[in-house]
């Protein structure tokens, strides 16, 4: 039953993620820039291949997850005319080739930083993603310099489908163990920070 429920949650994630990518492509094509549109489509095709390969597995290497995140951010960076930059910081203790986690786990939070943080500033946007390891857990921090938002008001009005699905998926990680994950969000006029702790395979 758990396996079936996990598959159902992942099936919900697929159309959500693809819709956002296709929306990005549509916006760029509408600008009638053929060469850039073709470049965008090429990057999208590569990302979809990565995504489809990952979607058949219960877990992927962290390095593969990071590669997908980088490709996603390249597409969004193009769509927003390079009004923001991004960085990945990986501490030496984090072995990205051996750590495994459910695919598409981090992407919804980065998507939120792009869509809610980077759209609020005309230029100079930055998204920092850092990976560290503490007490047997992978620590992921996603921080942006957007204008922030009211967390309680936003949660009452509209909860991100991708994040809601991710939180459900996390419930299946390391079942029957206490404190298998935690997610905290801080937001102010100086930006938003999401802090994720998760046990890995």
N, C-alpha and C. Protein backbone atom coordinates (compact mmCIF):
# COMPACT_ATOMS: atom_id res chain seq x y z
N UNK A 1 0.83 -1.20 0.00
CA UNK A 1 0.00 0.00 0.00
C UNK A 1 0.86 1.26 0.00
N UNK A 2 1.93 1.24 0.79
CA UNK A 2 2.83 2.39 0.83
C UNK A 2 3.43 2.65 -0.54
N UNK A 3 3.84 1.56 -1.22
CA UNK A 3 4.42 1.70 -2.56
C UNK A 3 3.42 2.31 -3.52
N UNK A 4 2.17 1.89 -3.44
CA UNK A 4 1.13 2.43 -4.33
C UNK A 4 0.88 3.90 -4.03
N UNK A 5 0.85 4.25 -2.75
CA UNK A 5 0.61 5.64 -2.37
C UNK A 5 1.76 6.53 -2.83
N UNK A 6 3.00 6.01 -2.71
CA UNK A 6 4.15 6.78 -3.15
C UNK A 6 4.08 7.02 -4.66
N UNK A 7 3.69 6.00 -5.41
CA UNK A 7 3.55 6.13 -6.86
C UNK A 7 2.48 7.16 -7.21
N UNK A 8 1.38 7.15 -6.46
CA UNK A 8 0.30 8.10 -6.73
C UNK A 8 0.76 9.53 -6.49
N UNK A 9 1.52 9.74 -5.42
CA UNK A 9 2.03 11.08 -5.14
C UNK A 9 2.98 11.54 -6.24
N UNK A 10 3.82 10.63 -6.72
CA UNK A 10 4.76 11.00 -7.77
C UNK A 10 4.02 11.30 -9.07
N UNK A 11 2.94 10.57 -9.34
CA UNK A 11 2.13 10.82 -10.53
C UNK A 11 1.51 12.21 -10.48
N UNK A 12 1.16 12.67 -9.27
CA UNK A 12 0.62 14.02 -9.12
C UNK A 12 1.69 15.07 -9.40
N UNK A 13 2.93 14.75 -9.04
CA UNK A 13 4.03 15.69 -9.23
C UNK A 13 4.33 15.91 -10.71
N UNK A 14 4.26 14.85 -11.51
CA UNK A 14 4.65 14.93 -12.91
C UNK A 14 3.94 16.04 -13.68
N UNK A 15 2.60 16.07 -13.72
CA UNK A 15 1.93 17.13 -14.49
C UNK A 15 2.18 18.52 -13.93
N UNK A 16 2.34 18.62 -12.61
CA UNK A 16 2.60 19.92 -12.00
C UNK A 16 3.92 20.48 -12.50
N UNK A 17 4.96 19.65 -12.47
CA UNK A 17 6.28 20.09 -12.89
C UNK A 17 6.31 20.40 -14.39
N UNK A 18 5.75 19.51 -15.19
CA UNK A 18 5.76 19.69 -16.64
C UNK A 18 4.97 20.94 -17.04
N UNK A 19 3.85 21.19 -16.38
CA UNK A 19 3.05 22.37 -16.69
C UNK A 19 3.88 23.64 -16.51
N UNK A 20 4.65 23.71 -15.43
CA UNK A 20 5.44 24.91 -15.18
C UNK A 20 6.53 25.09 -16.23
N UNK A 21 7.14 24.00 -16.66
CA UNK A 21 8.16 24.10 -17.70
C UNK A 21 7.54 24.52 -19.03
N UNK A 22 6.41 23.94 -19.38
CA UNK A 22 5.75 24.29 -20.64
C UNK A 22 5.28 25.74 -20.62
N UNK A 23 4.87 26.21 -19.46
CA UNK A 23 4.46 27.61 -19.33
C UNK A 23 5.65 28.53 -19.58
N UNK A 24 6.82 28.12 -19.09
CA UNK A 24 8.04 28.90 -19.33
C UNK A 24 8.36 28.96 -20.82
N UNK A 25 8.26 27.82 -21.49
CA UNK A 25 8.53 27.77 -22.93
C UNK A 25 7.54 28.64 -23.69
N UNK A 26 6.28 28.56 -23.33
CA UNK A 26 5.26 29.34 -24.03
C UNK A 26 5.55 30.83 -23.93
N UNK A 27 5.91 31.28 -22.75
CA UNK A 27 6.20 32.69 -22.56
C UNK A 27 7.37 33.16 -23.42
N UNK A 28 8.38 32.30 -23.55
CA UNK A 28 9.55 32.69 -24.34
C UNK A 28 9.26 32.70 -25.83
N UNK A 29 8.51 31.70 -26.29
CA UNK A 29 8.17 31.62 -27.71
C UNK A 29 7.32 32.82 -28.13
N UNK A 30 6.49 33.30 -27.24
CA UNK A 30 5.63 34.44 -27.55
C UNK A 30 6.43 35.71 -27.84
N UNK A 31 7.70 35.70 -27.47
CA UNK A 31 8.55 36.86 -27.74
C UNK A 31 9.12 36.81 -29.16
N UNK A 32 8.82 35.73 -29.90
CA UNK A 32 9.21 35.58 -31.31
C UNK A 32 10.73 35.60 -31.53
N UNK A 33 11.45 35.09 -30.58
CA UNK A 33 12.90 34.94 -30.71
C UNK A 33 13.19 33.48 -31.04
N UNK A 34 13.28 33.18 -32.35
CA UNK A 34 13.37 31.79 -32.80
C UNK A 34 14.60 31.08 -32.27
N UNK A 35 15.78 31.72 -32.41
CA UNK A 35 17.02 31.07 -31.99
C UNK A 35 17.01 30.74 -30.50
N UNK A 36 16.60 31.72 -29.70
CA UNK A 36 16.58 31.50 -28.26
C UNK A 36 15.51 30.50 -27.89
N UNK A 37 14.38 30.53 -28.60
CA UNK A 37 13.31 29.57 -28.34
C UNK A 37 13.80 28.14 -28.60
N UNK A 38 14.58 27.95 -29.68
CA UNK A 38 15.11 26.63 -29.98
C UNK A 38 16.11 26.18 -28.91
N UNK A 39 16.92 27.13 -28.44
CA UNK A 39 17.87 26.82 -27.37
C UNK A 39 17.11 26.41 -26.11
N UNK A 40 16.05 27.13 -25.83
CA UNK A 40 15.22 26.85 -24.66
C UNK A 40 14.60 25.47 -24.76
N UNK A 41 14.07 25.15 -25.96
CA UNK A 41 13.44 23.84 -26.17
C UNK A 41 14.46 22.71 -26.03
N UNK A 42 15.69 22.95 -26.49
CA UNK A 42 16.73 21.94 -26.35
C UNK A 42 17.04 21.66 -24.89
N UNK A 43 17.15 22.72 -24.09
CA UNK A 43 17.41 22.55 -22.67
C UNK A 43 16.23 21.86 -21.98
N UNK A 44 15.02 22.22 -22.41
CA UNK A 44 13.83 21.60 -21.83
C UNK A 44 13.80 20.10 -22.14
N UNK A 45 14.12 19.73 -23.39
CA UNK A 45 14.14 18.32 -23.78
C UNK A 45 15.14 17.53 -22.93
N UNK A 46 16.31 18.14 -22.70
CA UNK A 46 17.32 17.49 -21.86
C UNK A 46 16.81 17.30 -20.45
N UNK A 47 16.15 18.31 -19.92
CA UNK A 47 15.61 18.23 -18.57
C UNK A 47 14.52 17.17 -18.47
N UNK A 48 13.67 17.10 -19.49
CA UNK A 48 12.60 16.10 -19.47
C UNK A 48 13.18 14.69 -19.51
N UNK A 49 14.26 14.48 -20.28
CA UNK A 49 14.90 13.17 -20.30
C UNK A 49 15.42 12.81 -18.90
N UNK A 50 16.05 13.79 -18.25
CA UNK A 50 16.53 13.55 -16.89
C UNK A 50 15.38 13.22 -15.95
N UNK A 51 14.32 13.98 -16.10
CA UNK A 51 13.17 13.82 -15.21
C UNK A 51 12.51 12.46 -15.41
N UNK A 52 12.31 12.05 -16.67
CA UNK A 52 11.66 10.77 -16.93
C UNK A 52 12.51 9.61 -16.43
N UNK A 53 13.82 9.71 -16.57
CA UNK A 53 14.70 8.67 -16.04
C UNK A 53 14.59 8.59 -14.52
N UNK A 54 14.54 9.75 -13.88
CA UNK A 54 14.46 9.77 -12.42
C UNK A 54 13.11 9.29 -11.91
N UNK A 55 12.05 9.55 -12.67
CA UNK A 55 10.70 9.24 -12.20
C UNK A 55 10.43 7.75 -12.11
N UNK A 56 11.30 6.92 -12.68
CA UNK A 56 11.12 5.48 -12.60
C UNK A 56 11.79 4.88 -11.38
N UNK A 57 12.46 5.72 -10.59
CA UNK A 57 13.20 5.23 -9.42
C UNK A 57 12.61 5.80 -8.14
N UNK A 58 12.75 5.03 -7.07
CA UNK A 58 12.33 5.51 -5.76
C UNK A 58 13.32 6.53 -5.20
N UNK A 59 14.57 6.44 -5.65
CA UNK A 59 15.60 7.35 -5.15
C UNK A 59 16.62 7.61 -6.24
N UNK A 60 17.21 8.80 -6.21
CA UNK A 60 18.26 9.18 -7.16
C UNK A 60 19.45 9.70 -6.38
N UNK A 61 20.61 9.68 -7.02
CA UNK A 61 21.79 10.26 -6.40
C UNK A 61 21.61 11.77 -6.27
N UNK A 62 22.17 12.31 -5.21
CA UNK A 62 22.08 13.75 -5.00
C UNK A 62 22.69 14.52 -6.16
N UNK A 63 23.76 14.00 -6.76
CA UNK A 63 24.38 14.68 -7.88
C UNK A 63 23.43 14.77 -9.07
N UNK A 64 22.59 13.76 -9.28
CA UNK A 64 21.61 13.80 -10.36
C UNK A 64 20.49 14.80 -10.05
N UNK A 65 20.10 14.85 -8.78
CA UNK A 65 19.08 15.82 -8.38
C UNK A 65 19.59 17.24 -8.59
N UNK A 66 20.84 17.49 -8.23
CA UNK A 66 21.44 18.81 -8.40
C UNK A 66 21.52 19.17 -9.87
N UNK A 67 21.87 18.21 -10.71
CA UNK A 67 21.95 18.45 -12.16
C UNK A 67 20.59 18.87 -12.70
N UNK A 68 19.52 18.21 -12.25
CA UNK A 68 18.18 18.59 -12.69
C UNK A 68 17.81 19.99 -12.20
N UNK A 69 18.20 20.30 -10.99
CA UNK A 69 17.92 21.63 -10.44
C UNK A 69 18.64 22.72 -11.23
N UNK A 70 19.88 22.44 -11.60
CA UNK A 70 20.65 23.42 -12.38
C UNK A 70 20.00 23.64 -13.74
N UNK A 71 19.56 22.57 -14.38
CA UNK A 71 18.91 22.72 -15.68
C UNK A 71 17.59 23.47 -15.56
N UNK A 72 16.85 23.18 -14.50
CA UNK A 72 15.59 23.91 -14.26
C UNK A 72 15.86 25.40 -14.10
N UNK A 73 16.88 25.74 -13.29
CA UNK A 73 17.19 27.14 -13.03
C UNK A 73 17.70 27.84 -14.28
N UNK A 74 18.43 27.14 -15.15
CA UNK A 74 18.88 27.74 -16.41
C UNK A 74 17.67 28.15 -17.26
N UNK A 75 16.68 27.28 -17.30
CA UNK A 75 15.48 27.59 -18.08
C UNK A 75 14.76 28.81 -17.51
N UNK A 76 14.60 28.84 -16.19
CA UNK A 76 13.90 29.96 -15.57
C UNK A 76 14.71 31.24 -15.68
N UNK A 77 16.01 31.12 -15.59
CA UNK A 77 16.88 32.29 -15.74
C UNK A 77 16.70 32.90 -17.13
N UNK A 78 16.61 32.06 -18.16
CA UNK A 78 16.36 32.54 -19.51
C UNK A 78 14.99 33.21 -19.61
N UNK A 79 14.00 32.57 -19.01
CA UNK A 79 12.63 33.11 -19.10
C UNK A 79 12.52 34.48 -18.45
N UNK A 80 13.29 34.70 -17.38
CA UNK A 80 13.23 35.98 -16.67
C UNK A 80 14.35 36.93 -17.12
N UNK A 81 14.88 36.66 -18.33
CA UNK A 81 15.87 37.58 -18.92
C UNK A 81 17.07 37.83 -18.01
N UNK A 82 17.50 36.79 -17.33
CA UNK A 82 18.69 36.85 -16.48
C UNK A 82 18.60 37.95 -15.42
N UNK A 83 17.41 38.14 -14.88
CA UNK A 83 17.25 39.11 -13.78
C UNK A 83 17.70 38.53 -12.44
N UNK A 84 18.05 37.24 -12.43
CA UNK A 84 18.56 36.65 -11.19
C UNK A 84 19.68 35.65 -11.50
N UNK A 85 20.51 35.42 -10.51
CA UNK A 85 21.56 34.41 -10.57
C UNK A 85 21.30 33.37 -9.49
N UNK A 86 22.06 32.30 -9.55
CA UNK A 86 21.91 31.25 -8.54
C UNK A 86 23.27 30.62 -8.25
N UNK A 87 23.40 30.08 -7.07
CA UNK A 87 24.64 29.40 -6.68
C UNK A 87 24.31 28.10 -5.96
N UNK A 88 25.18 27.11 -6.12
CA UNK A 88 25.11 25.86 -5.37
C UNK A 88 26.37 25.75 -4.54
N UNK A 89 26.20 25.55 -3.25
CA UNK A 89 27.33 25.37 -2.34
C UNK A 89 27.20 24.01 -1.68
N UNK A 90 28.21 23.17 -1.85
CA UNK A 90 28.18 21.82 -1.32
C UNK A 90 29.37 21.62 -0.40
N UNK A 91 29.12 21.39 0.87
CA UNK A 91 30.21 21.20 1.82
C UNK A 91 30.95 19.91 1.52
N UNK A 92 32.26 19.87 1.79
CA UNK A 92 33.08 18.69 1.47
C UNK A 92 32.56 17.39 2.08
N UNK A 93 31.90 17.46 3.23
CA UNK A 93 31.42 16.25 3.89
C UNK A 93 30.24 15.60 3.16
N UNK A 94 29.64 16.33 2.23
CA UNK A 94 28.47 15.82 1.50
C UNK A 94 28.94 15.07 0.26
N UNK A 95 28.75 13.76 0.26
CA UNK A 95 29.14 12.93 -0.89
C UNK A 95 27.96 12.83 -1.84
N UNK A 96 27.93 13.69 -2.84
CA UNK A 96 26.76 13.76 -3.72
C UNK A 96 26.61 12.53 -4.61
N UNK A 97 27.66 11.72 -4.74
CA UNK A 97 27.57 10.53 -5.58
C UNK A 97 27.06 9.31 -4.81
N UNK A 98 27.01 9.39 -3.49
CA UNK A 98 26.53 8.26 -2.69
C UNK A 98 25.21 8.55 -1.97
N UNK A 99 24.95 9.79 -1.65
CA UNK A 99 23.68 10.14 -0.97
C UNK A 99 22.53 10.01 -1.96
N UNK A 100 21.47 9.35 -1.51
CA UNK A 100 20.28 9.20 -2.35
C UNK A 100 19.07 9.80 -1.65
N UNK A 101 18.15 10.28 -2.44
CA UNK A 101 16.91 10.85 -1.93
C UNK A 101 15.83 10.72 -3.00
N UNK A 102 14.57 10.87 -2.63
CA UNK A 102 13.50 10.76 -3.62
C UNK A 102 13.67 11.82 -4.71
N UNK A 103 13.42 11.47 -5.97
CA UNK A 103 13.61 12.45 -7.06
C UNK A 103 12.61 13.60 -6.97
N UNK A 104 13.04 14.76 -7.46
CA UNK A 104 12.18 15.95 -7.51
C UNK A 104 11.74 16.41 -6.12
N UNK A 105 12.57 16.17 -5.14
CA UNK A 105 12.21 16.52 -3.77
C UNK A 105 12.44 18.00 -3.47
N UNK A 106 13.54 18.53 -4.00
CA UNK A 106 13.95 19.90 -3.68
C UNK A 106 13.33 20.92 -4.64
N UNK A 107 13.04 20.49 -5.85
CA UNK A 107 12.61 21.38 -6.92
C UNK A 107 11.43 22.29 -6.56
N UNK A 108 10.37 21.79 -5.89
CA UNK A 108 9.23 22.68 -5.58
C UNK A 108 9.61 23.90 -4.74
N UNK A 109 10.58 23.74 -3.85
CA UNK A 109 10.99 24.86 -3.00
C UNK A 109 11.78 25.89 -3.80
N UNK A 110 12.61 25.41 -4.72
CA UNK A 110 13.35 26.32 -5.59
C UNK A 110 12.39 27.01 -6.54
N UNK A 111 11.40 26.27 -7.01
CA UNK A 111 10.38 26.87 -7.87
C UNK A 111 9.68 28.02 -7.16
N UNK A 112 9.39 27.84 -5.88
CA UNK A 112 8.76 28.90 -5.11
C UNK A 112 9.65 30.13 -5.02
N UNK A 113 10.96 29.91 -4.85
CA UNK A 113 11.89 31.04 -4.79
C UNK A 113 11.88 31.82 -6.10
N UNK A 114 11.81 31.09 -7.21
CA UNK A 114 11.78 31.76 -8.52
C UNK A 114 10.48 32.51 -8.72
N UNK A 115 9.37 31.82 -8.52
CA UNK A 115 8.07 32.39 -8.87
C UNK A 115 7.57 33.43 -7.87
N UNK A 116 7.96 33.29 -6.59
CA UNK A 116 7.49 34.25 -5.59
C UNK A 116 8.56 35.23 -5.15
N UNK A 117 9.83 34.85 -5.30
CA UNK A 117 10.91 35.74 -4.88
C UNK A 117 11.48 36.55 -6.01
N UNK A 118 11.82 35.90 -7.11
CA UNK A 118 12.50 36.60 -8.20
C UNK A 118 11.57 37.47 -9.03
N UNK A 119 10.28 37.18 -9.05
CA UNK A 119 9.35 38.02 -9.81
C UNK A 119 9.07 39.34 -9.10
N UNK A 120 9.50 39.45 -7.84
CA UNK A 120 9.21 40.67 -7.08
C UNK A 120 10.30 41.73 -7.20
N UNK A 121 11.42 41.38 -7.87
CA UNK A 121 12.50 42.34 -8.02
C UNK A 121 12.92 42.41 -9.49
N UNK A 122 13.21 43.61 -10.01
CA UNK A 122 13.50 43.76 -11.44
C UNK A 122 14.87 43.26 -11.86
N UNK A 123 15.83 43.24 -10.95
CA UNK A 123 17.19 42.77 -11.27
C UNK A 123 17.94 42.50 -9.97
N UNK A 124 19.09 41.83 -10.11
CA UNK A 124 19.93 41.59 -8.93
C UNK A 124 19.42 40.49 -8.03
N UNK A 125 18.54 39.64 -8.55
CA UNK A 125 18.03 38.54 -7.74
C UNK A 125 19.08 37.46 -7.55
N UNK A 126 19.02 36.76 -6.43
CA UNK A 126 19.97 35.68 -6.17
C UNK A 126 19.27 34.58 -5.38
N UNK A 127 19.51 33.35 -5.80
CA UNK A 127 19.03 32.18 -5.08
C UNK A 127 20.25 31.35 -4.70
N UNK A 128 20.43 31.12 -3.41
CA UNK A 128 21.54 30.31 -2.92
C UNK A 128 21.00 28.97 -2.41
N UNK A 129 21.59 27.88 -2.89
CA UNK A 129 21.22 26.55 -2.43
C UNK A 129 22.45 25.91 -1.82
N UNK A 130 22.39 25.57 -0.54
CA UNK A 130 23.54 24.97 0.13
C UNK A 130 23.18 23.59 0.66
N UNK A 131 24.18 22.71 0.65
CA UNK A 131 24.02 21.34 1.12
C UNK A 131 25.08 21.05 2.18
N UNK A 132 24.63 20.55 3.32
CA UNK A 132 25.55 20.14 4.37
C UNK A 132 24.98 18.90 5.04
N UNK A 133 25.75 18.31 5.92
CA UNK A 133 25.30 17.10 6.61
C UNK A 133 25.50 17.26 8.10
N UNK A 134 24.42 17.00 8.85
CA UNK A 134 24.48 17.15 10.30
C UNK A 134 23.72 16.01 10.97
N UNK A 135 24.39 15.32 11.89
CA UNK A 135 23.75 14.27 12.69
C UNK A 135 23.00 13.25 11.83
N UNK A 136 23.63 12.82 10.74
CA UNK A 136 23.03 11.79 9.91
C UNK A 136 21.94 12.28 8.99
N UNK A 137 21.75 13.59 8.92
CA UNK A 137 20.73 14.15 8.04
C UNK A 137 21.34 15.10 7.03
N UNK A 138 20.75 15.12 5.88
CA UNK A 138 21.14 16.08 4.86
C UNK A 138 20.41 17.39 5.13
N UNK A 139 21.16 18.46 5.18
CA UNK A 139 20.58 19.78 5.42
C UNK A 139 20.64 20.59 4.13
N UNK A 140 19.48 21.02 3.67
CA UNK A 140 19.38 21.81 2.44
C UNK A 140 18.79 23.17 2.79
N UNK A 141 19.50 24.23 2.43
CA UNK A 141 19.01 25.59 2.68
C UNK A 141 18.82 26.30 1.35
N UNK A 142 17.63 26.79 1.12
CA UNK A 142 17.31 27.55 -0.10
C UNK A 142 16.98 28.97 0.33
N UNK A 143 17.81 29.90 -0.09
CA UNK A 143 17.67 31.29 0.36
C UNK A 143 17.64 32.23 -0.83
N UNK A 144 16.69 33.16 -0.81
CA UNK A 144 16.63 34.15 -1.89
C UNK A 144 16.55 35.55 -1.30
N UNK A 145 16.77 36.56 -2.13
CA UNK A 145 16.73 37.95 -1.68
C UNK A 145 15.51 38.69 -2.22
N UNK A 146 14.41 37.94 -2.40
CA UNK A 146 13.16 38.57 -2.84
C UNK A 146 12.57 39.42 -1.72
N UNK A 147 11.39 39.96 -1.96
CA UNK A 147 10.76 40.85 -0.99
C UNK A 147 10.02 40.11 0.10
N UNK A 148 9.99 38.77 0.02
CA UNK A 148 9.36 37.98 1.07
C UNK A 148 7.85 37.98 0.95
N UNK A 149 7.23 37.26 1.89
CA UNK A 149 5.78 37.16 1.89
C UNK A 149 5.31 36.81 3.30
N UNK A 150 4.01 36.99 3.53
CA UNK A 150 3.40 36.62 4.80
C UNK A 150 3.09 35.14 4.77
N UNK A 151 3.84 34.35 5.53
CA UNK A 151 3.73 32.90 5.46
C UNK A 151 2.32 32.43 5.83
N UNK A 152 1.78 32.93 6.95
CA UNK A 152 0.46 32.48 7.39
C UNK A 152 -0.62 32.85 6.39
N UNK A 153 -0.55 34.07 5.86
CA UNK A 153 -1.54 34.52 4.88
C UNK A 153 -1.46 33.71 3.60
N UNK A 154 -0.23 33.44 3.14
CA UNK A 154 -0.04 32.68 1.92
C UNK A 154 -0.55 31.26 2.08
N UNK A 155 -0.28 30.63 3.24
CA UNK A 155 -0.72 29.26 3.45
C UNK A 155 -2.24 29.16 3.49
N UNK A 156 -2.89 30.21 4.01
CA UNK A 156 -4.35 30.19 4.05
C UNK A 156 -4.95 30.40 2.67
N UNK A 157 -4.32 31.25 1.87
CA UNK A 157 -4.86 31.57 0.56
C UNK A 157 -4.58 30.48 -0.46
N UNK A 158 -3.35 30.01 -0.51
CA UNK A 158 -2.98 29.03 -1.54
C UNK A 158 -1.70 28.33 -1.16
N UNK A 159 -1.80 27.04 -0.93
CA UNK A 159 -0.61 26.26 -0.60
C UNK A 159 -0.09 25.63 -1.88
N UNK A 160 1.21 25.77 -2.12
CA UNK A 160 1.82 25.23 -3.33
C UNK A 160 1.54 23.75 -3.45
N UNK A 161 1.01 23.34 -4.60
CA UNK A 161 0.72 21.93 -4.84
C UNK A 161 1.99 21.10 -4.75
N UNK A 162 3.05 21.60 -5.38
CA UNK A 162 4.31 20.86 -5.37
C UNK A 162 4.83 20.65 -3.96
N UNK A 163 4.77 21.69 -3.12
CA UNK A 163 5.26 21.57 -1.75
C UNK A 163 4.35 20.67 -0.93
N UNK A 164 3.05 20.77 -1.14
CA UNK A 164 2.12 19.90 -0.41
C UNK A 164 2.39 18.43 -0.74
N UNK A 165 2.63 18.15 -2.01
CA UNK A 165 2.94 16.78 -2.42
C UNK A 165 4.27 16.34 -1.83
N UNK A 166 5.25 17.24 -1.86
CA UNK A 166 6.57 16.91 -1.31
C UNK A 166 6.47 16.56 0.16
N UNK A 167 5.69 17.32 0.92
CA UNK A 167 5.55 17.05 2.34
C UNK A 167 4.91 15.68 2.58
N UNK A 168 3.97 15.30 1.71
CA UNK A 168 3.37 13.97 1.83
C UNK A 168 4.39 12.89 1.49
N UNK A 169 5.19 13.14 0.46
CA UNK A 169 6.20 12.15 0.07
C UNK A 169 7.23 11.96 1.17
N UNK A 170 7.57 13.04 1.85
CA UNK A 170 8.56 12.96 2.92
C UNK A 170 8.10 12.06 4.07
N UNK A 171 6.80 11.92 4.22
CA UNK A 171 6.27 11.08 5.29
C UNK A 171 6.64 9.62 5.11
N UNK A 172 6.98 9.24 3.87
CA UNK A 172 7.31 7.86 3.59
C UNK A 172 8.81 7.56 3.72
N UNK A 173 9.59 8.60 3.97
CA UNK A 173 11.04 8.40 4.08
C UNK A 173 11.38 7.89 5.48
N UNK A 174 12.17 6.82 5.53
CA UNK A 174 12.58 6.24 6.81
C UNK A 174 11.40 6.04 7.74
N UNK A 175 10.42 5.31 7.26
CA UNK A 175 9.20 5.09 8.03
C UNK A 175 9.51 4.43 9.37
N UNK A 176 8.64 4.72 10.32
CA UNK A 176 8.75 4.18 11.67
C UNK A 176 9.95 4.72 12.44
N UNK A 177 10.53 5.83 11.95
CA UNK A 177 11.62 6.48 12.67
C UNK A 177 11.17 7.89 13.07
N UNK A 178 11.57 8.29 14.24
CA UNK A 178 11.18 9.61 14.72
C UNK A 178 11.99 10.71 14.04
N UNK A 179 11.37 11.84 13.86
CA UNK A 179 12.03 13.03 13.32
C UNK A 179 12.77 12.72 12.03
N UNK A 180 12.05 12.10 11.08
CA UNK A 180 12.72 11.74 9.82
C UNK A 180 12.91 12.92 8.89
N UNK A 181 12.21 14.00 9.12
CA UNK A 181 12.43 15.19 8.32
C UNK A 181 11.85 16.40 9.03
N UNK A 182 12.30 17.58 8.61
CA UNK A 182 11.69 18.83 9.10
C UNK A 182 11.89 19.90 8.05
N UNK A 183 10.92 20.78 7.94
CA UNK A 183 10.97 21.89 7.00
C UNK A 183 10.55 23.16 7.74
N UNK A 184 11.39 24.17 7.70
CA UNK A 184 11.02 25.45 8.30
C UNK A 184 11.20 26.55 7.26
N UNK A 185 10.36 27.56 7.33
CA UNK A 185 10.42 28.68 6.39
C UNK A 185 10.42 29.99 7.16
N UNK A 186 11.35 30.86 6.81
CA UNK A 186 11.41 32.21 7.36
C UNK A 186 11.34 33.20 6.20
N UNK A 187 10.51 34.23 6.35
CA UNK A 187 10.38 35.20 5.27
C UNK A 187 10.26 36.60 5.83
N UNK A 188 10.94 37.55 5.19
CA UNK A 188 10.88 38.96 5.59
C UNK A 188 11.04 39.80 4.34
N UNK A 189 11.10 41.12 4.53
CA UNK A 189 11.27 42.01 3.38
C UNK A 189 12.65 41.84 2.73
N UNK A 190 13.55 41.11 3.41
CA UNK A 190 14.89 40.88 2.86
C UNK A 190 15.03 39.55 2.13
N UNK A 191 13.97 38.76 2.12
CA UNK A 191 14.04 37.49 1.41
C UNK A 191 13.41 36.35 2.17
N UNK A 192 13.53 35.16 1.61
CA UNK A 192 12.94 33.95 2.18
C UNK A 192 13.99 32.86 2.29
N UNK A 193 13.92 32.12 3.38
CA UNK A 193 14.84 31.01 3.60
C UNK A 193 14.06 29.75 3.98
N UNK A 194 14.31 28.68 3.25
CA UNK A 194 13.71 27.38 3.55
C UNK A 194 14.81 26.46 4.02
N UNK A 195 14.59 25.83 5.15
CA UNK A 195 15.58 24.95 5.76
C UNK A 195 15.01 23.55 5.84
N UNK A 196 15.64 22.59 5.15
CA UNK A 196 15.15 21.21 5.10
C UNK A 196 16.18 20.28 5.71
N UNK A 197 15.73 19.44 6.65
CA UNK A 197 16.55 18.34 7.17
C UNK A 197 15.86 17.05 6.79
N UNK A 198 16.62 16.12 6.20
CA UNK A 198 16.02 14.88 5.75
C UNK A 198 16.99 13.72 5.89
N UNK A 199 16.51 12.59 6.37
CA UNK A 199 17.33 11.39 6.40
C UNK A 199 17.44 10.85 4.98
N UNK A 200 18.60 10.38 4.65
CA UNK A 200 18.85 9.92 3.28
C UNK A 200 19.11 8.44 3.24
N UNK A 201 19.01 7.88 2.02
CA UNK A 201 19.23 6.45 1.82
C UNK A 201 20.70 6.21 1.48
